[in-house]
């Protein structure tokens, strides 16, 4: 079994982690009540290792988003845009991650 999580320390403290489980579904059925103490979302992804593959896909997606943010900030900086004002404005539109 593998069961990586996503949600960070905030999700852990709130009991709202997402768990990506790889392995025997019958074993998951046994341990799922315990996992529900720290997770709001538990998904069986398939065979052992598939939870880890799902976590890696999650990390690739997050890295892509972070690169986009950095590139956008660098573009604004190099163009001479006042970054505090730009960030404040963009955080209220489609670029917001809220």
PDB file of N, CA and C in Angstrom:
ATOM      1  N   UNK A   1       0.829  -1.173   0.000  1.00  0.00           N
ATOM      2  CA  UNK A   1       0.000   0.000   0.000  1.00  0.00           C
ATOM      3  C   UNK A   1       0.878   1.243   0.000  1.00  0.00           C
ATOM      4  N   UNK A   2       0.420   2.250  -0.717  1.00  0.00           N
ATOM      5  CA  UNK A   2       1.016   3.575  -0.634  1.00  0.00           C
ATOM      6  C   UNK A   2      -0.132   4.565  -0.513  1.00  0.00           C
ATOM      7  N   UNK A   3       0.075   5.608   0.267  1.00  0.00           N
ATOM      8  CA  UNK A   3      -1.006   6.558   0.517  1.00  0.00           C
ATOM      9  C   UNK A   3      -0.455   7.958   0.757  1.00  0.00           C
ATOM     10  N   UNK A   4       0.160   8.562  -0.270  1.00  0.00           N
ATOM     11  CA  UNK A   4       0.622   9.939  -0.095  1.00  0.00           C
ATOM     12  C   UNK A   4      -0.560  10.890   0.053  1.00  0.00           C
ATOM     13  N   UNK A   5      -0.262  12.050   0.609  1.00  0.00           N
ATOM     14  CA  UNK A   5      -1.321  13.025   0.883  1.00  0.00           C
ATOM     15  C   UNK A   5      -1.024  14.353   0.201  1.00  0.00           C
ATOM     16  N   UNK A   6      -2.053  15.164   0.090  1.00  0.00           N
ATOM     17  CA  UNK A   6      -1.929  16.530  -0.399  1.00  0.00           C
ATOM     18  C   UNK A   6      -2.809  17.401   0.477  1.00  0.00           C
ATOM     19  N   UNK A   7      -2.341  18.607   0.720  1.00  0.00           N
ATOM     20  CA  UNK A   7      -3.129  19.535   1.529  1.00  0.00           C
ATOM     21  C   UNK A   7      -2.289  20.295   2.529  1.00  0.00           C
ATOM     22  N   UNK A   8      -1.048  19.884   2.717  1.00  0.00           N
ATOM     23  CA  UNK A   8      -0.136  20.610   3.589  1.00  0.00           C
ATOM     24  C   UNK A   8      -0.517  20.557   5.055  1.00  0.00           C
ATOM     25  N   UNK A   9       0.204  21.355   5.833  1.00  0.00           N
ATOM     26  CA  UNK A   9      -0.038  21.350   7.277  1.00  0.00           C
ATOM     27  C   UNK A   9      -1.405  21.916   7.628  1.00  0.00           C
ATOM     28  N   UNK A  10      -1.885  22.850   6.820  1.00  0.00           N
ATOM     29  CA  UNK A  10      -3.217  23.421   7.068  1.00  0.00           C
ATOM     30  C   UNK A  10      -4.281  22.337   6.903  1.00  0.00           C
ATOM     31  N   UNK A  11      -4.178  21.566   5.834  1.00  0.00           N
ATOM     32  CA  UNK A  11      -5.124  20.474   5.609  1.00  0.00           C
ATOM     33  C   UNK A  11      -5.028  19.396   6.673  1.00  0.00           C
ATOM     34  N   UNK A  12      -3.809  19.123   7.117  1.00  0.00           N
ATOM     35  CA  UNK A  12      -3.619  18.101   8.154  1.00  0.00           C
ATOM     36  C   UNK A  12      -4.263  18.535   9.467  1.00  0.00           C
ATOM     37  N   UNK A  13      -4.029  19.784   9.853  1.00  0.00           N
ATOM     38  CA  UNK A  13      -4.591  20.292  11.107  1.00  0.00           C
ATOM     39  C   UNK A  13      -6.112  20.325  11.070  1.00  0.00           C
ATOM     40  N   UNK A  14      -6.669  20.568   9.888  1.00  0.00           N
ATOM     41  CA  UNK A  14      -8.132  20.635   9.744  1.00  0.00           C
ATOM     42  C   UNK A  14      -8.751  19.276   9.449  1.00  0.00           C
ATOM     43  N   UNK A  15      -7.926  18.249   9.273  1.00  0.00           N
ATOM     44  CA  UNK A  15      -8.445  16.927   8.937  1.00  0.00           C
ATOM     45  C   UNK A  15      -9.018  16.860   7.539  1.00  0.00           C
ATOM     46  N   UNK A  16      -8.452  17.624   6.609  1.00  0.00           N
ATOM     47  CA  UNK A  16      -9.014  17.718   5.262  1.00  0.00           C
ATOM     48  C   UNK A  16      -8.011  17.360   4.169  1.00  0.00           C
ATOM     49  N   UNK A  17      -7.049  16.506   4.491  1.00  0.00           N
ATOM     50  CA  UNK A  17      -6.088  16.095   3.482  1.00  0.00           C
ATOM     51  C   UNK A  17      -6.764  15.267   2.391  1.00  0.00           C
ATOM     52  N   UNK A  18      -6.162  15.273   1.223  1.00  0.00           N
ATOM     53  CA  UNK A  18      -6.553  14.366   0.149  1.00  0.00           C
ATOM     54  C   UNK A  18      -5.549  13.217   0.170  1.00  0.00           C
ATOM     55  N   UNK A  19      -6.032  11.997   0.144  1.00  0.00           N
ATOM     56  CA  UNK A  19      -5.164  10.819   0.183  1.00  0.00           C
ATOM     57  C   UNK A  19      -5.320  10.048  -1.120  1.00  0.00           C
ATOM     58  N   UNK A  20      -4.178   9.750  -1.740  1.00  0.00           N
ATOM     59  CA  UNK A  20      -4.135   9.022  -3.006  1.00  0.00           C
ATOM     60  C   UNK A  20      -3.612   7.624  -2.701  1.00  0.00           C
ATOM     61  N   UNK A  21      -4.471   6.629  -2.721  1.00  0.00           N
ATOM     62  CA  UNK A  21      -4.098   5.303  -2.245  1.00  0.00           C
ATOM     63  C   UNK A  21      -3.843   4.353  -3.403  1.00  0.00           C
ATOM     64  N   UNK A  22      -2.713   3.668  -3.311  1.00  0.00           N
ATOM     65  CA  UNK A  22      -2.412   2.600  -4.246  1.00  0.00           C
ATOM     66  C   UNK A  22      -2.295   1.293  -3.482  1.00  0.00           C
ATOM     67  N   UNK A  23      -2.863   0.244  -4.023  1.00  0.00           N
ATOM     68  CA  UNK A  23      -2.776  -1.063  -3.366  1.00  0.00           C
ATOM     69  C   UNK A  23      -4.110  -1.781  -3.364  1.00  0.00           C
ATOM     70  N   UNK A  24      -4.195  -2.785  -2.545  1.00  0.00           N
ATOM     71  CA  UNK A  24      -5.367  -3.654  -2.457  1.00  0.00           C
ATOM     72  C   UNK A  24      -6.573  -2.891  -1.896  1.00  0.00           C
ATOM     73  N   UNK A  25      -7.654  -2.857  -2.650  1.00  0.00           N
ATOM     74  CA  UNK A  25      -8.865  -2.136  -2.236  1.00  0.00           C
ATOM     75  C   UNK A  25      -9.456  -2.715  -0.952  1.00  0.00           C
ATOM     76  N   UNK A  26      -9.300  -4.013  -0.735  1.00  0.00           N
ATOM     77  CA  UNK A  26      -9.829  -4.626   0.490  1.00  0.00           C
ATOM     78  C   UNK A  26      -9.069  -4.142   1.720  1.00  0.00           C
ATOM     79  N   UNK A  27      -7.780  -3.941   1.575  1.00  0.00           N
ATOM     80  CA  UNK A  27      -6.986  -3.398   2.690  1.00  0.00           C
ATOM     81  C   UNK A  27      -7.412  -1.958   2.953  1.00  0.00           C
ATOM     82  N   UNK A  28      -7.631  -1.207   1.889  1.00  0.00           N
ATOM     83  CA  UNK A  28      -8.093   0.173   2.055  1.00  0.00           C
ATOM     84  C   UNK A  28      -9.404   0.209   2.826  1.00  0.00           C
ATOM     85  N   UNK A  29     -10.309  -0.689   2.546  1.00  0.00           N
ATOM     86  CA  UNK A  29     -11.579  -0.729   3.267  1.00  0.00           C
ATOM     87  C   UNK A  29     -11.371  -0.885   4.771  1.00  0.00           C
ATOM     88  N   UNK A  30     -10.340  -1.635   5.159  1.00  0.00           N
ATOM     89  CA  UNK A  30     -10.055  -1.868   6.578  1.00  0.00           C
ATOM     90  C   UNK A  30      -9.493  -0.614   7.241  1.00  0.00           C
ATOM     91  N   UNK A  31      -8.580   0.084   6.555  1.00  0.00           N
ATOM     92  CA  UNK A  31      -7.905   1.226   7.178  1.00  0.00           C
ATOM     93  C   UNK A  31      -8.586   2.568   6.912  1.00  0.00           C
ATOM     94  N   UNK A  32      -9.562   2.588   6.030  1.00  0.00           N
ATOM     95  CA  UNK A  32     -10.212   3.847   5.664  1.00  0.00           C
ATOM     96  C   UNK A  32     -10.806   4.609   6.860  1.00  0.00           C
ATOM     97  N   UNK A  33     -11.457   3.942   7.818  1.00  0.00           N
ATOM     98  CA  UNK A  33     -11.983   4.707   8.966  1.00  0.00           C
ATOM     99  C   UNK A  33     -10.897   5.477   9.714  1.00  0.00           C
ATOM    100  N   UNK A  34      -9.712   4.920   9.827  1.00  0.00           N
ATOM    101  CA  UNK A  34      -8.603   5.615  10.470  1.00  0.00           C
ATOM    102  C   UNK A  34      -8.153   6.797   9.610  1.00  0.00           C
ATOM    103  N   UNK A  35      -8.063   6.596   8.310  1.00  0.00           N
ATOM    104  CA  UNK A  35      -7.643   7.657   7.401  1.00  0.00           C
ATOM    105  C   UNK A  35      -8.622   8.831   7.418  1.00  0.00           C
ATOM    106  N   UNK A  36      -9.883   8.551   7.659  1.00  0.00           N
ATOM    107  CA  UNK A  36     -10.888   9.614   7.682  1.00  0.00           C
ATOM    108  C   UNK A  36     -10.696  10.571   8.852  1.00  0.00           C
ATOM    109  N   UNK A  37      -9.849  10.216   9.808  1.00  0.00           N
ATOM    110  CA  UNK A  37      -9.534  11.125  10.918  1.00  0.00           C
ATOM    111  C   UNK A  37      -8.711  12.322  10.441  1.00  0.00           C
ATOM    112  N   UNK A  38      -7.969  12.147   9.360  1.00  0.00           N
ATOM    113  CA  UNK A  38      -7.123  13.230   8.868  1.00  0.00           C
ATOM    114  C   UNK A  38      -7.406  13.609   7.422  1.00  0.00           C
ATOM    115  N   UNK A  39      -8.400  12.982   6.831  1.00  0.00           N
ATOM    116  CA  UNK A  39      -8.652  13.218   5.415  1.00  0.00           C
ATOM    117  C   UNK A  39     -10.117  13.460   5.127  1.00  0.00           C
ATOM    118  N   UNK A  40     -10.366  14.381   4.202  1.00  0.00           N
ATOM    119  CA  UNK A  40     -11.725  14.625   3.730  1.00  0.00           C
ATOM    120  C   UNK A  40     -11.966  13.925   2.402  1.00  0.00           C
ATOM    121  N   UNK A  41     -10.873  13.539   1.724  1.00  0.00           N
ATOM    122  CA  UNK A  41     -10.974  12.905   0.405  1.00  0.00           C
ATOM    123  C   UNK A  41      -9.983  11.764   0.304  1.00  0.00           C
ATOM    124  N   UNK A  42     -10.495  10.572   0.120  1.00  0.00           N
ATOM    125  CA  UNK A  42      -9.663   9.379  -0.034  1.00  0.00           C
ATOM    126  C   UNK A  42     -10.062   8.728  -1.342  1.00  0.00           C
ATOM    127  N   UNK A  43      -9.075   8.516  -2.216  1.00  0.00           N
ATOM    128  CA  UNK A  43      -9.371   7.887  -3.503  1.00  0.00           C
ATOM    129  C   UNK A  43      -8.440   6.709  -3.732  1.00  0.00           C
ATOM    130  N   UNK A  44      -9.026   5.581  -4.117  1.00  0.00           N
ATOM    131  CA  UNK A  44      -8.238   4.417  -4.500  1.00  0.00           C
ATOM    132  C   UNK A  44      -7.823   4.602  -5.952  1.00  0.00           C
ATOM    133  N   UNK A  45      -6.523   4.686  -6.201  1.00  0.00           N
ATOM    134  CA  UNK A  45      -6.003   4.998  -7.528  1.00  0.00           C
ATOM    135  C   UNK A  45      -5.666   3.757  -8.341  1.00  0.00           C
ATOM    136  N   UNK A  46      -5.642   2.595  -7.699  1.00  0.00           N
ATOM    137  CA  UNK A  46      -5.312   1.357  -8.401  1.00  0.00           C
ATOM    138  C   UNK A  46      -4.265   0.574  -7.637  1.00  0.00           C
ATOM    139  N   UNK A  47      -3.421  -0.126  -8.373  1.00  0.00           N
ATOM    140  CA  UNK A  47      -2.414  -1.003  -7.785  1.00  0.00           C
ATOM    141  C   UNK A  47      -1.394  -0.222  -6.953  1.00  0.00           C
ATOM    142  N   UNK A  48      -0.636  -0.957  -6.146  1.00  0.00           N
ATOM    143  CA  UNK A  48       0.420  -0.341  -5.350  1.00  0.00           C
ATOM    144  C   UNK A  48       1.335   0.472  -6.263  1.00  0.00           C
ATOM    145  N   UNK A  49       1.647   1.673  -5.821  1.00  0.00           N
ATOM    146  CA  UNK A  49       2.470   2.588  -6.606  1.00  0.00           C
ATOM    147  C   UNK A  49       1.662   3.669  -7.301  1.00  0.00           C
ATOM    148  N   UNK A  50       0.392   3.396  -7.546  1.00  0.00           N
ATOM    149  CA  UNK A  50      -0.439   4.370  -8.254  1.00  0.00           C
ATOM    150  C   UNK A  50      -0.731   5.606  -7.411  1.00  0.00           C
ATOM    151  N   UNK A  51      -0.741   5.464  -6.083  1.00  0.00           N
ATOM    152  CA  UNK A  51      -0.879   6.629  -5.223  1.00  0.00           C
ATOM    153  C   UNK A  51       0.323   7.543  -5.389  1.00  0.00           C
ATOM    154  N   UNK A  52       1.515   6.944  -5.445  1.00  0.00           N
ATOM    155  CA  UNK A  52       2.738   7.725  -5.637  1.00  0.00           C
ATOM    156  C   UNK A  52       2.751   8.401  -7.004  1.00  0.00           C
ATOM    157  N   UNK A  53       2.288   7.704  -8.032  1.00  0.00           N
ATOM    158  CA  UNK A  53       2.227   8.319  -9.364  1.00  0.00           C
ATOM    159  C   UNK A  53       1.256   9.511  -9.366  1.00  0.00           C
ATOM    160  N   UNK A  54       0.148   9.375  -8.664  1.00  0.00           N
ATOM    161  CA  UNK A  54      -0.819  10.466  -8.574  1.00  0.00           C
ATOM    162  C   UNK A  54      -0.206  11.657  -7.839  1.00  0.00           C
ATOM    163  N   UNK A  55       0.533  11.397  -6.758  1.00  0.00           N
ATOM    164  CA  UNK A  55       1.201  12.460  -6.012  1.00  0.00           C
ATOM    165  C   UNK A  55       2.224  13.171  -6.898  1.00  0.00           C
ATOM    166  N   UNK A  56       2.967  12.413  -7.708  1.00  0.00           N
ATOM    167  CA  UNK A  56       3.950  13.029  -8.591  1.00  0.00           C
ATOM    168  C   UNK A  56       3.264  13.921  -9.622  1.00  0.00           C
ATOM    169  N   UNK A  57       2.138  13.470 -10.165  1.00  0.00           N
ATOM    170  CA  UNK A  57       1.380  14.310 -11.100  1.00  0.00           C
ATOM    171  C   UNK A  57       0.944  15.597 -10.405  1.00  0.00           C
ATOM    172  N   UNK A  58       0.517  15.491  -9.154  1.00  0.00           N
ATOM    173  CA  UNK A  58       0.137  16.659  -8.357  1.00  0.00           C
ATOM    174  C   UNK A  58       1.313  17.629  -8.233  1.00  0.00           C
ATOM    175  N   UNK A  59       2.497  17.112  -7.951  1.00  0.00           N
ATOM    176  CA  UNK A  59       3.668  17.964  -7.788  1.00  0.00           C
ATOM    177  C   UNK A  59       4.062  18.648  -9.101  1.00  0.00           C
ATOM    178  N   UNK A  60       3.936  17.938 -10.211  1.00  0.00           N
ATOM    179  CA  UNK A  60       4.238  18.527 -11.517  1.00  0.00           C
ATOM    180  C   UNK A  60       3.278  19.682 -11.802  1.00  0.00           C
ATOM    181  N   UNK A  61       1.996  19.485 -11.500  1.00  0.00           N
ATOM    182  CA  UNK A  61       0.994  20.533 -11.715  1.00  0.00           C
ATOM    183  C   UNK A  61       1.311  21.758 -10.851  1.00  0.00           C
ATOM    184  N   UNK A  62       1.631  21.523  -9.579  1.00  0.00           N
ATOM    185  CA  UNK A  62       1.962  22.632  -8.676  1.00  0.00           C
ATOM    186  C   UNK A  62       3.194  23.375  -9.175  1.00  0.00           C
ATOM    187  N   UNK A  63       4.216  22.645  -9.603  1.00  0.00           N
ATOM    188  CA  UNK A  63       5.447  23.287 -10.099  1.00  0.00           C
ATOM    189  C   UNK A  63       5.143  24.155 -11.314  1.00  0.00           C
ATOM    190  N   UNK A  64       4.293  23.675 -12.195  1.00  0.00           N
ATOM    191  CA  UNK A  64       3.917  24.462 -13.368  1.00  0.00           C
ATOM    192  C   UNK A  64       3.225  25.759 -12.984  1.00  0.00           C
ATOM    193  N   UNK A  65       2.363  25.679 -11.996  1.00  0.00           N
ATOM    194  CA  UNK A  65       1.680  26.888 -11.529  1.00  0.00           C
ATOM    195  C   UNK A  65       2.663  27.874 -10.916  1.00  0.00           C
ATOM    196  N   UNK A  66       3.601  27.358 -10.132  1.00  0.00           N
ATOM    197  CA  UNK A  66       4.581  28.233  -9.492  1.00  0.00           C
ATOM    198  C   UNK A  66       5.465  28.919 -10.535  1.00  0.00           C
ATOM    199  N   UNK A  67       5.862  28.185 -11.560  1.00  0.00           N
ATOM    200  CA  UNK A  67       6.680  28.768 -12.619  1.00  0.00           C
ATOM    201  C   UNK A  67       5.910  29.884 -13.317  1.00  0.00           C
ATOM    202  N   UNK A  68       4.619  29.661 -13.566  1.00  0.00           N
ATOM    203  CA  UNK A  68       3.790  30.686 -14.192  1.00  0.00           C
ATOM    204  C   UNK A  68       3.716  31.949 -13.359  1.00  0.00           C
ATOM    205  N   UNK A  69       3.585  31.808 -12.050  1.00  0.00           N
ATOM    206  CA  UNK A  69       3.530  32.970 -11.161  1.00  0.00           C
ATOM    207  C   UNK A  69       4.845  33.738 -11.223  1.00  0.00           C
ATOM    208  N   UNK A  70       5.952  33.014 -11.126  1.00  0.00           N
ATOM    209  CA  UNK A  70       7.262  33.675 -11.160  1.00  0.00           C
ATOM    210  C   UNK A  70       7.474  34.387 -12.497  1.00  0.00           C
ATOM    211  N   UNK A  71       7.139  33.735 -13.592  1.00  0.00           N
ATOM    212  CA  UNK A  71       7.308  34.355 -14.910  1.00  0.00           C
ATOM    213  C   UNK A  71       6.452  35.618 -15.041  1.00  0.00           C
ATOM    214  N   UNK A  72       5.220  35.562 -14.541  1.00  0.00           N
ATOM    215  CA  UNK A  72       4.349  36.734 -14.585  1.00  0.00           C
ATOM    216  C   UNK A  72       4.896  37.885 -13.766  1.00  0.00           C
ATOM    217  N   UNK A  73       5.402  37.574 -12.573  1.00  0.00           N
ATOM    218  CA  UNK A  73       5.993  38.617 -11.729  1.00  0.00           C
ATOM    219  C   UNK A  73       7.245  39.208 -12.370  1.00  0.00           C
ATOM    220  N   UNK A  74       8.070  38.343 -12.949  1.00  0.00           N
ATOM    221  CA  UNK A  74       9.284  38.843 -13.618  1.00  0.00           C
ATOM    222  C   UNK A  74       8.930  39.722 -14.816  1.00  0.00           C
ATOM    223  N   UNK A  75       7.921  39.319 -15.561  1.00  0.00           N
ATOM    224  CA  UNK A  75       7.485  40.131 -16.695  1.00  0.00           C
ATOM    225  C   UNK A  75       7.053  41.516 -16.219  1.00  0.00           C
ATOM    226  N   UNK A  76       6.213  41.555 -15.213  1.00  0.00           N
ATOM    227  CA  UNK A  76       5.750  42.838 -14.677  1.00  0.00           C
ATOM    228  C   UNK A  76       6.897  43.677 -14.158  1.00  0.00           C
ATOM    229  N   UNK A  77       7.817  43.044 -13.439  1.00  0.00           N
ATOM    230  CA  UNK A  77       8.981  43.751 -12.895  1.00  0.00           C
ATOM    231  C   UNK A  77       9.832  44.357 -14.008  1.00  0.00           C
ATOM    232  N   UNK A  78      10.141  43.546 -15.023  1.00  0.00           N
ATOM    233  CA  UNK A  78      10.979  44.029 -16.125  1.00  0.00           C
ATOM    234  C   UNK A  78      10.284  45.107 -16.956  1.00  0.00           C
ATOM    235  N   UNK A  79       8.960  45.074 -16.974  1.00  0.00           N
ATOM    236  CA  UNK A  79       8.207  46.095 -17.707  1.00  0.00           C
ATOM    237  C   UNK A  79       8.080  47.388 -16.898  1.00  0.00           C
ATOM    238  N   UNK A  80       8.445  47.337 -15.605  1.00  0.00           N
ATOM    239  CA  UNK A  80       8.379  48.519 -14.772  1.00  0.00           C
ATOM    240  C   UNK A  80       7.063  48.707 -14.043  1.00  0.00           C
ATOM    241  N   UNK A  81       6.205  47.696 -14.074  1.00  0.00           N
ATOM    242  CA  UNK A  81       4.912  47.772 -13.382  1.00  0.00           C
ATOM    243  C   UNK A  81       5.161  47.724 -11.866  1.00  0.00           C
ATOM    244  N   UNK A  82       4.462  48.537 -11.080  1.00  0.00           N
ATOM    245  CA  UNK A  82       4.622  48.467  -9.619  1.00  0.00           C
ATOM    246  C   UNK A  82       4.045  47.134  -9.100  1.00  0.00           C
ATOM    247  N   UNK A  83       4.927  46.244  -8.686  1.00  0.00           N
ATOM    248  CA  UNK A  83       4.499  44.886  -8.334  1.00  0.00           C
ATOM    249  C   UNK A  83       3.475  44.815  -7.204  1.00  0.00           C
ATOM    250  N   UNK A  84       3.600  45.574  -6.117  1.00  0.00           N
ATOM    251  CA  UNK A  84       2.571  45.479  -5.080  1.00  0.00           C
ATOM    252  C   UNK A  84       1.171  45.799  -5.616  1.00  0.00           C
ATOM    253  N   UNK A  85       1.092  46.819  -6.453  1.00  0.00           N
ATOM    254  CA  UNK A  85      -0.199  47.195  -7.034  1.00  0.00           C
ATOM    255  C   UNK A  85      -0.690  46.113  -7.990  1.00  0.00           C
ATOM    256  N   UNK A  86       0.229  45.568  -8.805  1.00  0.00           N
ATOM    257  CA  UNK A  86      -0.141  44.518  -9.747  1.00  0.00           C
ATOM    258  C   UNK A  86      -0.651  43.273  -9.022  1.00  0.00           C
ATOM    259  N   UNK A  87       0.079  42.868  -7.996  1.00  0.00           N
ATOM    260  CA  UNK A  87      -0.320  41.670  -7.243  1.00  0.00           C
ATOM    261  C   UNK A  87      -1.671  41.881  -6.577  1.00  0.00           C
ATOM    262  N   UNK A  88      -1.863  43.033  -5.984  1.00  0.00           N
ATOM    263  CA  UNK A  88      -3.151  43.350  -5.335  1.00  0.00           C
ATOM    264  C   UNK A  88      -4.293  43.262  -6.324  1.00  0.00           C
ATOM    265  N   UNK A  89      -4.114  43.863  -7.490  1.00  0.00           N
ATOM    266  CA  UNK A  89      -5.173  43.863  -8.498  1.00  0.00           C
ATOM    267  C   UNK A  89      -5.423  42.460  -9.053  1.00  0.00           C
ATOM    268  N   UNK A  90      -4.349  41.769  -9.447  1.00  0.00           N
ATOM    269  CA  UNK A  90      -4.511  40.445 -10.047  1.00  0.00           C
ATOM    270  C   UNK A  90      -5.059  39.407  -9.075  1.00  0.00           C
ATOM    271  N   UNK A  91      -4.838  39.620  -7.784  1.00  0.00           N
ATOM    272  CA  UNK A  91      -5.357  38.681  -6.792  1.00  0.00           C
ATOM    273  C   UNK A  91      -6.875  38.741  -6.679  1.00  0.00           C
ATOM    274  N   UNK A  92      -7.483  39.741  -7.289  1.00  0.00           N
ATOM    275  CA  UNK A  92      -8.938  39.878  -7.251  1.00  0.00           C
ATOM    276  C   UNK A  92      -9.588  39.411  -8.552  1.00  0.00           C
ATOM    277  N   UNK A  93      -8.797  38.905  -9.471  1.00  0.00           N
ATOM    278  CA  UNK A  93      -9.330  38.461 -10.760  1.00  0.00           C
ATOM    279  C   UNK A  93      -9.054  37.005 -11.036  1.00  0.00           C
ATOM    280  N   UNK A  94      -9.032  36.670 -12.318  1.00  0.00           N
ATOM    281  CA  UNK A  94      -8.854  35.277 -12.745  1.00  0.00           C
ATOM    282  C   UNK A  94      -7.501  34.701 -12.372  1.00  0.00           C
ATOM    283  N   UNK A  95      -6.489  35.545 -12.136  1.00  0.00           N
ATOM    284  CA  UNK A  95      -5.161  35.059 -11.744  1.00  0.00           C
ATOM    285  C   UNK A  95      -5.102  34.637 -10.284  1.00  0.00           C
ATOM    286  N   UNK A  96      -6.153  34.915  -9.524  1.00  0.00           N
ATOM    287  CA  UNK A  96      -6.173  34.548  -8.101  1.00  0.00           C
ATOM    288  C   UNK A  96      -6.234  33.037  -7.949  1.00  0.00           C
ATOM    289  N   UNK A  97      -5.598  32.538  -6.902  1.00  0.00           N
ATOM    290  CA  UNK A  97      -5.681  31.112  -6.613  1.00  0.00           C
ATOM    291  C   UNK A  97      -6.681  30.816  -5.501  1.00  0.00           C
ATOM    292  N   UNK A  98      -7.451  31.821  -5.113  1.00  0.00           N
ATOM    293  CA  UNK A  98      -8.441  31.619  -4.044  1.00  0.00           C
ATOM    294  C   UNK A  98      -9.697  30.984  -4.581  1.00  0.00           C
TER     295      UNK A  98
END
